[in-house]
Amino acid sequence: MIRFLPISYLKWQYRYITGKPLNLAAPSTYTEKLQILRHFVFPRDPLVIRGSDRVAVREILKEKGLKSYLIPTYGVYDRFEDIPWQRLPKQFVIKCSHASGFNRIILDKKSVNYGQLKNQFRRWLKTDYGLKTLERHYSPIPRKIIIEKYLGVATSLPIEYKIHVFHGQAKYLYVVTGRGADIRYTHLLANWTPFPGAQFNGWKSADYPIIEPPQFQAMLQLAEKLATPYPFVRVDLYNIEGKIYFSELTFTPAKGTLKLEDEAIDKLMGGWLTLDEEIIP
């Protein structure tokens, strides 16, 4: 349990990770402005709360006529005990609706320790993730379990494309490769050119060229369509041989506590995000 006042903890956490003081009174960088959104805006925005809900966000896509981009599901459940385990396929992804990272990728159902998995999801369902991380837009989300089709292959997880959209315009992305083995984050501008200096928190880029996937322009258009109501959101997508799948919306990447390789890039990205003056404390 956090023993600091939220603002005090926010400032301590930001300085601890980035090495810089957090200027809430006159934010100018991307990471500072994310802290404003994280603490003062997103927890009060019902559209953000709904978009953060791994179950409810699927309804958003359906309402926008984007159902074809949804990953097929095997069910949504209130309790782990309600899951018809025997009817599930060999491979699937099981996740909680109310958090980031509360998930397990099951590559072989027979090799899973069912008891351990059940206990893990019981703990996760009891956890107020928004309180734990001070990303309070997660707190009101109904706590459910959703089971999705696994999109990868037996030997590797699918590549993920994380598109950052500012005021409805896709500006840059990072491509996540080597998940589950040697994970790499390769940063690119939306025109698929390198974005040097945007790497953060000590991660590394891929040491081989990342090829632009088929239908990449359609991916940008999808991201922008989903981002329309928000000042900022990261839209996470998959592209499986040209077939685009929606993963999730992320409003506070890494809680906004990102230590970028080049501070000038933090400033540049801060210029992409305009905050209303009345929300700045």
Protein backbone atom coordinates (compact mmCIF):
# COMPACT_ATOMS: atom_id res chain seq x y z
CA MET A 1 0.00 0.00 0.00
CA ILE A 2 1.31 3.46 -0.93
CA ARG A 3 1.99 5.45 2.26
CA PHE A 4 2.59 8.80 0.56
CA LEU A 5 0.04 11.38 -0.48
CA PRO A 6 -0.69 10.75 -4.18
CA ILE A 7 0.96 13.98 -5.43
CA SER A 8 4.00 13.40 -3.25
CA TYR A 9 4.31 9.86 -4.50
CA LEU A 10 3.80 10.97 -8.10
CA LYS A 11 6.68 13.44 -7.81
CA TRP A 12 8.91 10.95 -6.01
CA GLN A 13 8.24 8.21 -8.56
CA TYR A 14 8.88 10.52 -11.51
CA ARG A 15 12.18 11.78 -10.09
CA TYR A 16 13.25 8.27 -9.07
CA ILE A 17 12.79 6.88 -12.60
CA THR A 18 13.62 9.87 -14.81
CA GLY A 19 16.16 11.58 -12.58
CA LYS A 20 14.34 14.90 -13.07
CA PRO A 21 11.95 16.89 -10.87
CA LEU A 22 8.33 16.86 -11.99
CA ASN A 23 7.05 20.30 -12.97
CA LEU A 24 3.28 20.13 -12.62
CA ALA A 25 2.78 23.90 -12.61
CA ALA A 26 4.30 24.46 -16.05
CA PRO A 27 4.66 21.09 -17.80
CA SER A 28 6.50 21.23 -21.10
CA THR A 29 7.64 17.67 -21.84
CA TYR A 30 5.67 14.64 -22.96
CA THR A 31 6.33 12.78 -19.73
CA GLU A 32 5.33 15.73 -17.54
CA LYS A 33 2.10 16.20 -19.46
CA LEU A 34 1.34 12.51 -19.13
CA GLN A 35 1.51 12.96 -15.36
CA ILE A 36 -1.11 15.74 -15.57
CA LEU A 37 -3.38 13.47 -17.60
CA ARG A 38 -2.65 10.49 -15.35
CA HIS A 39 -3.57 12.24 -12.13
CA PHE A 40 -6.01 15.05 -12.95
CA VAL A 41 -7.80 14.13 -16.18
CA PHE A 42 -8.05 10.46 -17.08
CA PRO A 43 -9.50 9.21 -13.75
CA ARG A 44 -12.47 11.58 -14.27
CA ASP A 45 -13.07 10.80 -17.93
CA PRO A 46 -15.67 8.04 -18.49
CA LEU A 47 -14.46 7.61 -22.09
CA VAL A 48 -10.93 6.86 -20.86
CA ILE A 49 -12.22 4.46 -18.23
CA ARG A 50 -14.30 2.63 -20.82
CA GLY A 51 -11.42 2.56 -23.29
CA SER A 52 -9.12 1.08 -20.63
CA ASP A 53 -11.56 -1.76 -19.91
CA ARG A 54 -10.37 -4.82 -21.85
CA VAL A 55 -13.99 -5.97 -22.21
CA ALA A 56 -15.82 -2.68 -22.76
CA VAL A 57 -13.33 -1.45 -25.36
CA ARG A 58 -14.54 -4.23 -27.65
CA GLU A 59 -17.96 -2.57 -27.65
CA ILE A 60 -16.31 0.70 -28.68
CA LEU A 61 -14.90 -0.96 -31.78
CA LYS A 62 -18.28 -2.50 -32.59
CA GLU A 63 -19.98 0.88 -32.23
CA LYS A 64 -17.46 2.40 -34.63
CA GLY A 65 -18.02 -0.35 -37.20
CA LEU A 66 -14.61 -1.88 -36.49
CA LYS A 67 -15.69 -5.30 -35.28
CA SER A 68 -13.57 -7.03 -37.93
CA TYR A 69 -10.39 -5.91 -36.10
CA LEU A 70 -11.28 -7.63 -32.84
CA ILE A 71 -9.38 -10.71 -31.70
CA PRO A 72 -11.85 -13.64 -31.42
CA THR A 73 -12.74 -14.50 -27.83
CA TYR A 74 -13.71 -17.71 -26.06
CA GLY A 75 -15.61 -16.00 -23.26
CA VAL A 76 -15.82 -13.41 -20.50
CA TYR A 77 -16.16 -14.56 -16.89
CA ASP A 78 -16.67 -13.04 -13.44
CA ARG A 79 -14.73 -15.80 -11.66
CA PHE A 80 -11.93 -18.15 -12.66
CA GLU A 81 -14.08 -21.08 -11.50
CA ASP A 82 -16.67 -20.20 -14.18
CA ILE A 83 -14.24 -20.88 -17.03
CA PRO A 84 -15.07 -24.09 -18.99
CA TRP A 85 -11.43 -25.18 -18.97
CA GLN A 86 -11.98 -28.45 -20.83
CA ARG A 87 -13.64 -26.66 -23.75
CA LEU A 88 -10.79 -24.22 -24.32
CA PRO A 89 -8.31 -24.86 -27.16
CA LYS A 90 -4.70 -25.80 -26.55
CA GLN A 91 -3.49 -22.21 -26.89
CA PHE A 92 -5.12 -18.96 -25.77
CA VAL A 93 -4.53 -15.70 -23.91
CA ILE A 94 -6.25 -15.12 -20.57
CA LYS A 95 -6.31 -11.64 -19.04
CA CYS A 96 -8.07 -9.41 -16.54
CA SER A 97 -10.26 -6.59 -17.75
CA HIS A 98 -9.14 -3.98 -15.21
CA ALA A 99 -5.35 -3.86 -15.43
CA SER A 100 -2.26 -3.78 -17.60
CA GLY A 101 -0.07 -6.87 -17.43
CA PHE A 102 -2.52 -9.09 -15.56
CA ASN A 103 -2.44 -11.77 -18.25
CA ARG A 104 -1.00 -15.14 -19.15
CA ILE A 105 -0.22 -16.54 -22.58
CA ILE A 106 -1.06 -20.23 -22.60
CA LEU A 107 0.85 -22.13 -25.28
CA ASP A 108 -0.08 -25.61 -24.05
CA LYS A 109 -3.07 -25.96 -21.77
CA LYS A 110 -2.00 -29.42 -20.61
CA SER A 111 1.26 -28.08 -19.18
CA VAL A 112 -0.43 -25.41 -17.05
CA ASN A 113 -0.61 -25.77 -13.28
CA TYR A 114 -4.32 -25.11 -12.98
CA GLY A 115 -4.25 -24.49 -9.24
CA GLN A 116 -1.48 -21.92 -9.45
CA LEU A 117 -3.19 -20.14 -12.34
CA LYS A 118 -6.49 -20.05 -10.46
CA ASN A 119 -4.84 -18.57 -7.38
CA GLN A 120 -3.04 -15.99 -9.48
CA PHE A 121 -6.23 -14.78 -11.13
CA ARG A 122 -8.05 -14.76 -7.81
CA ARG A 123 -5.36 -12.39 -6.47
CA TRP A 124 -5.50 -10.24 -9.57
CA LEU A 125 -9.29 -9.93 -9.43
CA LYS A 126 -9.01 -8.71 -5.82
CA THR A 127 -6.40 -6.09 -6.73
CA ASP A 128 -7.33 -2.46 -7.27
CA TYR A 129 -4.77 -1.93 -10.02
CA GLY A 130 -5.53 1.79 -10.26
CA LEU A 131 -4.75 2.30 -6.59
CA LYS A 132 -1.64 0.14 -6.80
CA THR A 133 -0.13 2.10 -9.70
CA LEU A 134 -1.84 5.48 -9.24
CA GLU A 135 -3.40 5.09 -12.67
CA ARG A 136 -6.81 5.68 -11.18
CA HIS A 137 -8.72 5.37 -14.45
CA TYR A 138 -8.39 1.59 -13.97
CA SER A 139 -10.08 1.56 -10.54
CA PRO A 140 -13.77 1.81 -11.63
CA ILE A 141 -13.47 -0.95 -14.25
CA PRO A 142 -15.54 -4.08 -13.47
CA ARG A 143 -13.14 -6.92 -12.72
CA LYS A 144 -13.64 -9.76 -15.17
CA ILE A 145 -11.58 -12.36 -17.03
CA ILE A 146 -11.49 -12.38 -20.82
CA ILE A 147 -10.05 -15.23 -22.88
CA GLU A 148 -8.85 -14.50 -26.41
CA LYS A 149 -7.49 -16.45 -29.33
CA TYR A 150 -3.69 -16.72 -29.39
CA LEU A 151 -2.35 -15.02 -32.53
CA GLY A 152 1.27 -16.19 -32.45
CA VAL A 153 2.88 -19.45 -33.39
CA ALA A 154 4.35 -22.15 -31.16
CA THR A 155 7.88 -20.74 -31.37
CA SER A 156 7.27 -16.98 -31.12
CA LEU A 157 4.82 -14.35 -29.95
CA PRO A 158 3.39 -11.95 -32.54
CA ILE A 159 5.02 -8.60 -33.26
CA GLU A 160 3.17 -5.72 -31.62
CA TYR A 161 2.82 -2.21 -33.05
CA LYS A 162 2.24 0.51 -30.46
CA ILE A 163 1.03 3.63 -32.23
CA HIS A 164 1.07 6.91 -30.26
CA VAL A 165 -1.72 9.28 -31.27
CA PHE A 166 -1.77 12.93 -30.19
CA HIS A 167 -5.00 14.86 -30.70
CA GLY A 168 -6.15 12.39 -33.32
CA GLN A 169 -2.89 12.28 -35.28
CA ALA A 170 -0.57 9.27 -35.27
CA LYS A 171 2.91 10.68 -34.68
CA TYR A 172 5.14 7.74 -33.88
CA LEU A 173 5.23 4.10 -32.83
CA TYR A 174 7.47 1.47 -31.41
CA VAL A 175 7.57 -2.07 -32.69
CA VAL A 176 7.92 -4.80 -30.08
CA THR A 177 9.82 -7.85 -31.29
CA GLY A 178 11.31 -10.85 -29.53
CA ARG A 179 8.57 -10.97 -26.90
CA GLY A 180 9.11 -13.81 -24.46
CA ALA A 181 12.76 -14.17 -25.44
CA ASP A 182 14.96 -11.17 -26.33
CA ILE A 183 12.44 -8.33 -26.30
CA ARG A 184 13.30 -5.19 -28.29
CA TYR A 185 11.53 -1.86 -28.80
CA THR A 186 12.27 -0.17 -32.13
CA HIS A 187 11.06 3.45 -32.38
CA LEU A 188 9.83 4.92 -35.65
CA LEU A 189 8.02 8.00 -36.81
CA ALA A 190 4.63 7.48 -38.42
CA ASN A 191 6.25 7.66 -41.87
CA TRP A 192 8.30 4.56 -40.94
CA THR A 193 11.61 6.38 -40.56
CA PRO A 194 13.83 6.00 -37.47
CA PHE A 195 13.02 8.09 -34.41
CA PRO A 196 16.39 8.23 -32.63
CA GLY A 197 16.43 9.28 -29.02
CA ALA A 198 12.90 8.05 -28.26
CA GLN A 199 14.07 4.82 -26.62
CA PHE A 200 13.24 4.76 -22.92
CA ASN A 201 14.02 3.13 -19.58
CA GLY A 202 17.04 1.24 -20.84
CA TRP A 203 15.32 -0.88 -23.48
CA LYS A 204 17.11 -1.74 -26.71
CA SER A 205 16.11 -1.54 -30.35
CA ALA A 206 16.20 -4.56 -32.63
CA ASP A 207 19.64 -5.16 -34.13
CA TYR A 208 18.15 -5.92 -37.55
CA PRO A 209 15.93 -3.84 -39.87
CA ILE A 210 12.22 -3.84 -39.03
CA ILE A 211 10.22 -4.18 -42.24
CA GLU A 212 7.11 -2.07 -42.69
CA PRO A 213 4.15 -4.49 -42.55
CA PRO A 214 1.50 -4.71 -45.25
CA GLN A 215 -1.52 -2.50 -44.61
CA PHE A 216 0.52 -0.15 -42.41
CA GLN A 217 -1.39 2.92 -43.58
CA ALA A 218 -4.61 1.15 -42.63
CA MET A 219 -3.14 0.56 -39.18
CA LEU A 220 -2.46 4.29 -38.78
CA GLN A 221 -5.97 5.11 -39.91
CA LEU A 222 -7.46 2.63 -37.46
CA ALA A 223 -5.37 4.07 -34.62
CA GLU A 224 -6.49 7.60 -35.44
CA LYS A 225 -10.13 6.58 -35.64
CA LEU A 226 -9.97 4.93 -32.23
CA ALA A 227 -8.09 7.88 -30.72
CA THR A 228 -10.58 10.54 -31.81
CA PRO A 229 -12.07 11.36 -28.34
CA TYR A 230 -8.75 11.54 -26.52
CA PRO A 231 -5.92 14.11 -26.26
CA PHE A 232 -3.46 11.22 -26.20
CA VAL A 233 -3.62 7.45 -26.40
CA ARG A 234 -1.37 4.62 -27.48
CA VAL A 235 -3.18 2.19 -29.76
CA ASP A 236 -1.69 -1.31 -29.70
CA LEU A 237 -2.19 -3.44 -32.80
CA TYR A 238 -1.05 -6.71 -34.33
CA ASN A 239 -0.53 -7.41 -38.01
CA ILE A 240 -0.64 -11.08 -38.95
CA GLU A 241 0.29 -11.41 -42.63
CA GLY A 242 -1.61 -8.23 -43.46
CA LYS A 243 -4.60 -8.94 -41.22
CA ILE A 244 -4.86 -6.22 -38.56
CA TYR A 245 -6.00 -7.01 -35.02
CA PHE A 246 -6.72 -4.58 -32.20
CA SER A 247 -4.99 -5.29 -28.89
CA GLU A 248 -5.76 -2.47 -26.43
CA LEU A 249 -5.73 1.24 -25.68
CA THR A 250 -3.06 2.49 -23.29
CA PHE A 251 -3.43 6.00 -21.87
CA THR A 252 -0.44 6.20 -19.51
CA PRO A 253 2.42 4.14 -21.01
CA ALA A 254 4.70 2.94 -18.21
CA LYS A 255 2.68 5.27 -15.94
CA GLY A 256 4.21 8.15 -17.90
CA THR A 257 7.47 7.66 -16.02
CA LEU A 258 9.67 7.32 -19.08
CA LYS A 259 13.36 8.16 -19.10
CA LEU A 260 14.02 8.91 -22.75
CA GLU A 261 17.51 8.56 -24.20
CA ASP A 262 17.36 12.14 -25.52
CA GLU A 263 15.66 14.77 -23.35
CA ALA A 264 15.16 16.90 -26.47
CA ILE A 265 12.80 14.22 -27.79
CA ASP A 266 10.78 14.42 -24.56
CA LYS A 267 10.47 18.16 -25.23
CA LEU A 268 9.61 17.63 -28.88
CA MET A 269 6.86 15.17 -28.03
CA GLY A 270 5.61 17.55 -25.37
CA GLY A 271 4.91 19.98 -28.19
CA TRP A 272 2.60 17.40 -29.76
CA LEU A 273 0.37 17.35 -26.68
CA THR A 274 -1.60 20.46 -25.77
CA LEU A 275 -3.27 20.62 -22.37
CA ASP A 276 -6.16 22.91 -21.45
CA GLU A 277 -4.89 25.54 -19.04
CA GLU A 278 -7.70 24.92 -16.55
CA ILE A 279 -6.51 21.35 -15.88
CA ILE A 280 -2.97 22.39 -14.93
CA PRO A 281 -2.74 22.62 -11.12
